[in-house]
Amino acid sequence: QGRPYTKEAAMAKLSASEAATFCAHQAIQILGGMGFVTDMPAERYYRDARITEIYEGTSEIQHLVIANRILHEYAQLEVALPASAAQGIEQGMASSAA
């Protein structure tokens, strides 16, 4: 469709890599000392999961990409809104903060 999907791709990569690392870490915790033995599949899964957080952009970079795209989308939205609508949003935010 020709629309950018940078934010969604970064969100998917970040979520998948963190979930894989969490699951592999839990498997090692369950296995205890045996989880660190190189013959155990859990050890290999953990190494593979950790590398997904490092390879092709670290998790921190993914956070920055997501934040950058959100700010960019907000800036476009702010320009597209009429002045009266933008004032209404600001007033609503101010009243909800009080």
N, C-alpha and C. Protein backbone atom coordinates (compact mmCIF):
# COMPACT_ATOMS: atom_id res chain seq x y z
N GLN A 1 0.80 -1.19 0.00
CA GLN A 1 0.00 0.00 0.00
C GLN A 1 0.85 1.26 0.00
N GLY A 2 2.13 1.10 0.12
CA GLY A 2 3.03 2.24 0.02
C GLY A 2 3.16 3.05 1.30
N ARG A 3 2.60 2.58 2.40
CA ARG A 3 2.71 3.32 3.66
C ARG A 3 3.93 2.85 4.43
N PRO A 4 4.55 3.74 5.21
CA PRO A 4 5.72 3.33 5.99
C PRO A 4 5.32 2.40 7.14
N TYR A 5 6.16 1.45 7.42
CA TYR A 5 5.88 0.49 8.50
C TYR A 5 7.08 0.36 9.45
N THR A 6 7.92 1.37 9.50
CA THR A 6 9.12 1.34 10.32
C THR A 6 8.80 1.12 11.79
N LYS A 7 7.84 1.87 12.30
CA LYS A 7 7.49 1.76 13.72
C LYS A 7 6.97 0.37 14.04
N GLU A 8 6.08 -0.14 13.23
CA GLU A 8 5.49 -1.45 13.49
C GLU A 8 6.54 -2.56 13.41
N ALA A 9 7.46 -2.44 12.46
CA ALA A 9 8.53 -3.45 12.34
C ALA A 9 9.43 -3.41 13.56
N ALA A 10 9.77 -2.22 14.04
CA ALA A 10 10.62 -2.10 15.23
C ALA A 10 9.90 -2.64 16.45
N MET A 11 8.61 -2.36 16.55
CA MET A 11 7.83 -2.87 17.69
C MET A 11 7.76 -4.40 17.68
N ALA A 12 7.57 -4.98 16.50
CA ALA A 12 7.51 -6.43 16.39
C ALA A 12 8.85 -7.07 16.73
N LYS A 13 9.94 -6.49 16.22
CA LYS A 13 11.27 -7.04 16.50
C LYS A 13 11.60 -6.94 17.98
N LEU A 14 11.31 -5.81 18.58
CA LEU A 14 11.58 -5.61 20.00
C LEU A 14 10.77 -6.58 20.85
N SER A 15 9.49 -6.68 20.56
CA SER A 15 8.63 -7.57 21.33
C SER A 15 9.05 -9.03 21.19
N ALA A 16 9.33 -9.46 19.98
CA ALA A 16 9.71 -10.85 19.75
C ALA A 16 11.04 -11.19 20.40
N SER A 17 12.02 -10.30 20.29
CA SER A 17 13.33 -10.59 20.87
C SER A 17 13.28 -10.60 22.39
N GLU A 18 12.50 -9.69 22.99
CA GLU A 18 12.38 -9.68 24.44
C GLU A 18 11.61 -10.89 24.95
N ALA A 19 10.57 -11.31 24.22
CA ALA A 19 9.81 -12.49 24.62
C ALA A 19 10.66 -13.76 24.53
N ALA A 20 11.45 -13.87 23.46
CA ALA A 20 12.31 -15.05 23.30
C ALA A 20 13.36 -15.12 24.41
N THR A 21 13.94 -13.97 24.74
CA THR A 21 14.94 -13.94 25.80
C THR A 21 14.31 -14.29 27.14
N PHE A 22 13.14 -13.75 27.41
CA PHE A 22 12.46 -14.04 28.67
C PHE A 22 12.16 -15.53 28.79
N CYS A 23 11.60 -16.11 27.75
CA CYS A 23 11.25 -17.54 27.78
C CYS A 23 12.48 -18.42 27.95
N ALA A 24 13.54 -18.10 27.22
CA ALA A 24 14.77 -18.90 27.33
C ALA A 24 15.38 -18.75 28.72
N HIS A 25 15.33 -17.55 29.28
CA HIS A 25 15.86 -17.32 30.63
C HIS A 25 15.06 -18.11 31.66
N GLN A 26 13.75 -18.14 31.50
CA GLN A 26 12.91 -18.91 32.42
C GLN A 26 13.21 -20.41 32.31
N ALA A 27 13.48 -20.89 31.11
CA ALA A 27 13.83 -22.30 30.94
C ALA A 27 15.12 -22.62 31.68
N ILE A 28 16.09 -21.74 31.60
CA ILE A 28 17.36 -21.95 32.31
C ILE A 28 17.13 -21.91 33.82
N GLN A 29 16.26 -21.00 34.27
CA GLN A 29 15.95 -20.92 35.70
C GLN A 29 15.30 -22.22 36.19
N ILE A 30 14.43 -22.79 35.39
CA ILE A 30 13.77 -24.03 35.78
C ILE A 30 14.77 -25.18 35.84
N LEU A 31 15.69 -25.22 34.88
CA LEU A 31 16.66 -26.31 34.82
C LEU A 31 17.80 -26.14 35.83
N GLY A 32 17.96 -24.94 36.36
CA GLY A 32 19.02 -24.70 37.34
C GLY A 32 20.39 -24.80 36.69
N GLY A 33 21.32 -25.45 37.37
CA GLY A 33 22.69 -25.58 36.87
C GLY A 33 22.78 -26.34 35.57
N MET A 34 21.85 -27.25 35.36
CA MET A 34 21.86 -28.02 34.11
C MET A 34 21.52 -27.14 32.91
N GLY A 35 20.88 -26.00 33.15
CA GLY A 35 20.52 -25.12 32.05
C GLY A 35 21.72 -24.49 31.37
N PHE A 36 22.85 -24.43 32.08
CA PHE A 36 24.05 -23.82 31.52
C PHE A 36 24.96 -24.81 30.81
N VAL A 37 24.63 -26.09 30.88
CA VAL A 37 25.44 -27.10 30.21
C VAL A 37 25.22 -26.95 28.70
N THR A 38 26.32 -26.94 27.96
CA THR A 38 26.22 -26.68 26.52
C THR A 38 25.49 -27.79 25.76
N ASP A 39 25.33 -28.95 26.36
CA ASP A 39 24.60 -30.03 25.70
C ASP A 39 23.09 -29.85 25.80
N MET A 40 22.65 -28.96 26.66
CA MET A 40 21.21 -28.75 26.85
C MET A 40 20.68 -27.76 25.80
N PRO A 41 19.52 -28.04 25.24
CA PRO A 41 18.95 -27.11 24.26
C PRO A 41 18.65 -25.73 24.85
N ALA A 42 18.32 -25.65 26.15
CA ALA A 42 17.98 -24.36 26.76
C ALA A 42 19.14 -23.39 26.67
N GLU A 43 20.36 -23.88 26.81
CA GLU A 43 21.53 -23.01 26.74
C GLU A 43 21.67 -22.42 25.34
N ARG A 44 21.47 -23.24 24.33
CA ARG A 44 21.54 -22.75 22.95
C ARG A 44 20.40 -21.79 22.65
N TYR A 45 19.20 -22.09 23.16
CA TYR A 45 18.07 -21.18 22.95
C TYR A 45 18.33 -19.81 23.57
N TYR A 46 18.95 -19.82 24.76
CA TYR A 46 19.25 -18.55 25.42
C TYR A 46 20.26 -17.75 24.61
N ARG A 47 21.31 -18.42 24.14
CA ARG A 47 22.31 -17.71 23.32
C ARG A 47 21.67 -17.15 22.06
N ASP A 48 20.84 -17.94 21.41
CA ASP A 48 20.17 -17.49 20.18
C ASP A 48 19.23 -16.33 20.46
N ALA A 49 18.51 -16.40 21.58
CA ALA A 49 17.57 -15.33 21.92
C ALA A 49 18.31 -14.04 22.26
N ARG A 50 19.41 -14.16 22.99
CA ARG A 50 20.16 -12.95 23.37
C ARG A 50 20.73 -12.26 22.13
N ILE A 51 21.16 -13.03 21.16
CA ILE A 51 21.76 -12.42 19.97
C ILE A 51 20.71 -11.65 19.17
N THR A 52 19.43 -12.03 19.29
CA THR A 52 18.39 -11.28 18.57
C THR A 52 18.24 -9.87 19.13
N GLU A 53 18.61 -9.67 20.40
CA GLU A 53 18.56 -8.33 20.98
C GLU A 53 19.76 -7.49 20.56
N ILE A 54 20.78 -8.12 20.05
CA ILE A 54 22.01 -7.42 19.69
C ILE A 54 22.15 -7.28 18.17
N TYR A 55 21.86 -8.35 17.44
CA TYR A 55 22.06 -8.39 16.00
C TYR A 55 21.00 -7.54 15.30
N GLU A 56 21.37 -6.87 14.23
CA GLU A 56 20.48 -6.02 13.43
C GLU A 56 19.81 -4.94 14.26
N GLY A 57 20.55 -4.31 15.14
CA GLY A 57 20.01 -3.20 15.94
C GLY A 57 19.65 -3.66 17.33
N THR A 58 20.27 -3.03 18.31
CA THR A 58 20.01 -3.42 19.68
C THR A 58 18.61 -3.02 20.10
N SER A 59 18.18 -3.52 21.23
CA SER A 59 16.86 -3.17 21.74
C SER A 59 16.76 -1.68 22.01
N GLU A 60 17.87 -1.07 22.45
CA GLU A 60 17.85 0.37 22.70
C GLU A 60 17.61 1.16 21.42
N ILE A 61 18.21 0.70 20.32
CA ILE A 61 18.00 1.36 19.04
C ILE A 61 16.54 1.20 18.61
N GLN A 62 15.96 0.03 18.85
CA GLN A 62 14.55 -0.18 18.51
C GLN A 62 13.66 0.77 19.30
N HIS A 63 13.99 0.98 20.57
CA HIS A 63 13.23 1.94 21.38
C HIS A 63 13.33 3.34 20.77
N LEU A 64 14.51 3.73 20.33
CA LEU A 64 14.69 5.05 19.73
C LEU A 64 13.93 5.18 18.41
N VAL A 65 13.94 4.13 17.60
CA VAL A 65 13.21 4.16 16.33
C VAL A 65 11.72 4.32 16.59
N ILE A 66 11.19 3.57 17.54
CA ILE A 66 9.77 3.65 17.87
C ILE A 66 9.42 5.05 18.36
N ALA A 67 10.21 5.58 19.29
CA ALA A 67 9.95 6.92 19.83
C ALA A 67 10.02 7.98 18.74
N ASN A 68 11.00 7.87 17.87
CA ASN A 68 11.16 8.83 16.78
C ASN A 68 9.94 8.82 15.86
N ARG A 69 9.46 7.64 15.52
CA ARG A 69 8.30 7.55 14.64
C ARG A 69 7.03 8.09 15.32
N ILE A 70 6.88 7.83 16.61
CA ILE A 70 5.71 8.35 17.33
C ILE A 70 5.75 9.87 17.36
N LEU A 71 6.92 10.44 17.64
CA LEU A 71 7.05 11.90 17.65
C LEU A 71 6.78 12.48 16.26
N HIS A 72 7.27 11.80 15.22
CA HIS A 72 7.04 12.25 13.85
C HIS A 72 5.54 12.21 13.52
N GLU A 73 4.86 11.13 13.91
CA GLU A 73 3.42 11.03 13.66
C GLU A 73 2.66 12.11 14.42
N TYR A 74 3.08 12.40 15.64
CA TYR A 74 2.43 13.44 16.44
C TYR A 74 2.61 14.80 15.78
N ALA A 75 3.81 15.06 15.29
CA ALA A 75 4.08 16.35 14.64
C ALA A 75 3.20 16.51 13.41
N GLN A 76 3.01 15.45 12.65
CA GLN A 76 2.14 15.52 11.48
C GLN A 76 0.69 15.72 11.89
N LEU A 77 0.27 15.08 12.96
CA LEU A 77 -1.10 15.22 13.45
C LEU A 77 -1.35 16.64 13.93
N GLU A 78 -0.38 17.20 14.62
CA GLU A 78 -0.51 18.56 15.16
C GLU A 78 -0.68 19.57 14.02
N VAL A 79 0.03 19.38 12.92
CA VAL A 79 -0.07 20.28 11.78
C VAL A 79 -1.43 20.10 11.09
N ALA A 80 -1.93 18.86 11.05
CA ALA A 80 -3.16 18.57 10.34
C ALA A 80 -4.40 19.06 11.09
N LEU A 81 -4.30 19.23 12.40
CA LEU A 81 -5.46 19.66 13.18
C LEU A 81 -5.71 21.15 13.01
N PRO A 82 -6.96 21.54 12.91
CA PRO A 82 -7.26 22.97 12.92
C PRO A 82 -6.92 23.55 14.29
N ALA A 83 -6.69 24.84 14.35
CA ALA A 83 -6.29 25.49 15.60
C ALA A 83 -7.32 25.27 16.70
N SER A 84 -8.60 25.31 16.38
CA SER A 84 -9.65 25.14 17.39
C SER A 84 -9.61 23.73 17.99
N ALA A 85 -9.34 22.73 17.15
CA ALA A 85 -9.26 21.35 17.64
C ALA A 85 -8.04 21.18 18.53
N ALA A 86 -6.92 21.76 18.13
CA ALA A 86 -5.70 21.66 18.94
C ALA A 86 -5.90 22.32 20.30
N GLN A 87 -6.61 23.46 20.33
CA GLN A 87 -6.87 24.13 21.60
C GLN A 87 -7.79 23.28 22.47
N GLY A 88 -8.76 22.65 21.86
CA GLY A 88 -9.67 21.79 22.61
C GLY A 88 -8.94 20.61 23.23
N ILE A 89 -8.01 20.04 22.50
CA ILE A 89 -7.22 18.91 23.03
C ILE A 89 -6.37 19.38 24.20
N GLU A 90 -5.72 20.54 24.04
CA GLU A 90 -4.88 21.07 25.12
C GLU A 90 -5.71 21.38 26.36
N GLN A 91 -6.90 21.94 26.19
CA GLN A 91 -7.76 22.23 27.32
C GLN A 91 -8.21 20.95 28.01
N GLY A 92 -8.53 19.95 27.24
CA GLY A 92 -8.92 18.66 27.80
C GLY A 92 -7.80 18.00 28.58
N MET A 93 -6.57 18.12 28.05
CA MET A 93 -5.42 17.55 28.75
C MET A 93 -5.16 18.32 30.04
N ALA A 94 -5.32 19.63 30.01
CA ALA A 94 -5.07 20.45 31.18
C ALA A 94 -6.10 20.16 32.27
N SER A 95 -7.37 19.98 31.89
CA SER A 95 -8.40 19.72 32.87
C SER A 95 -8.27 18.31 33.46
N SER A 96 -7.80 17.34 32.68
CA SER A 96 -7.64 15.99 33.20
C SER A 96 -6.42 15.90 34.10
N ALA A 97 -5.44 16.76 33.92
CA ALA A 97 -4.24 16.76 34.75
C ALA A 97 -4.52 17.40 36.11
N ALA A 98 -5.53 18.25 36.18
CA ALA A 98 -5.83 18.95 37.44
C ALA A 98 -6.59 18.09 38.42
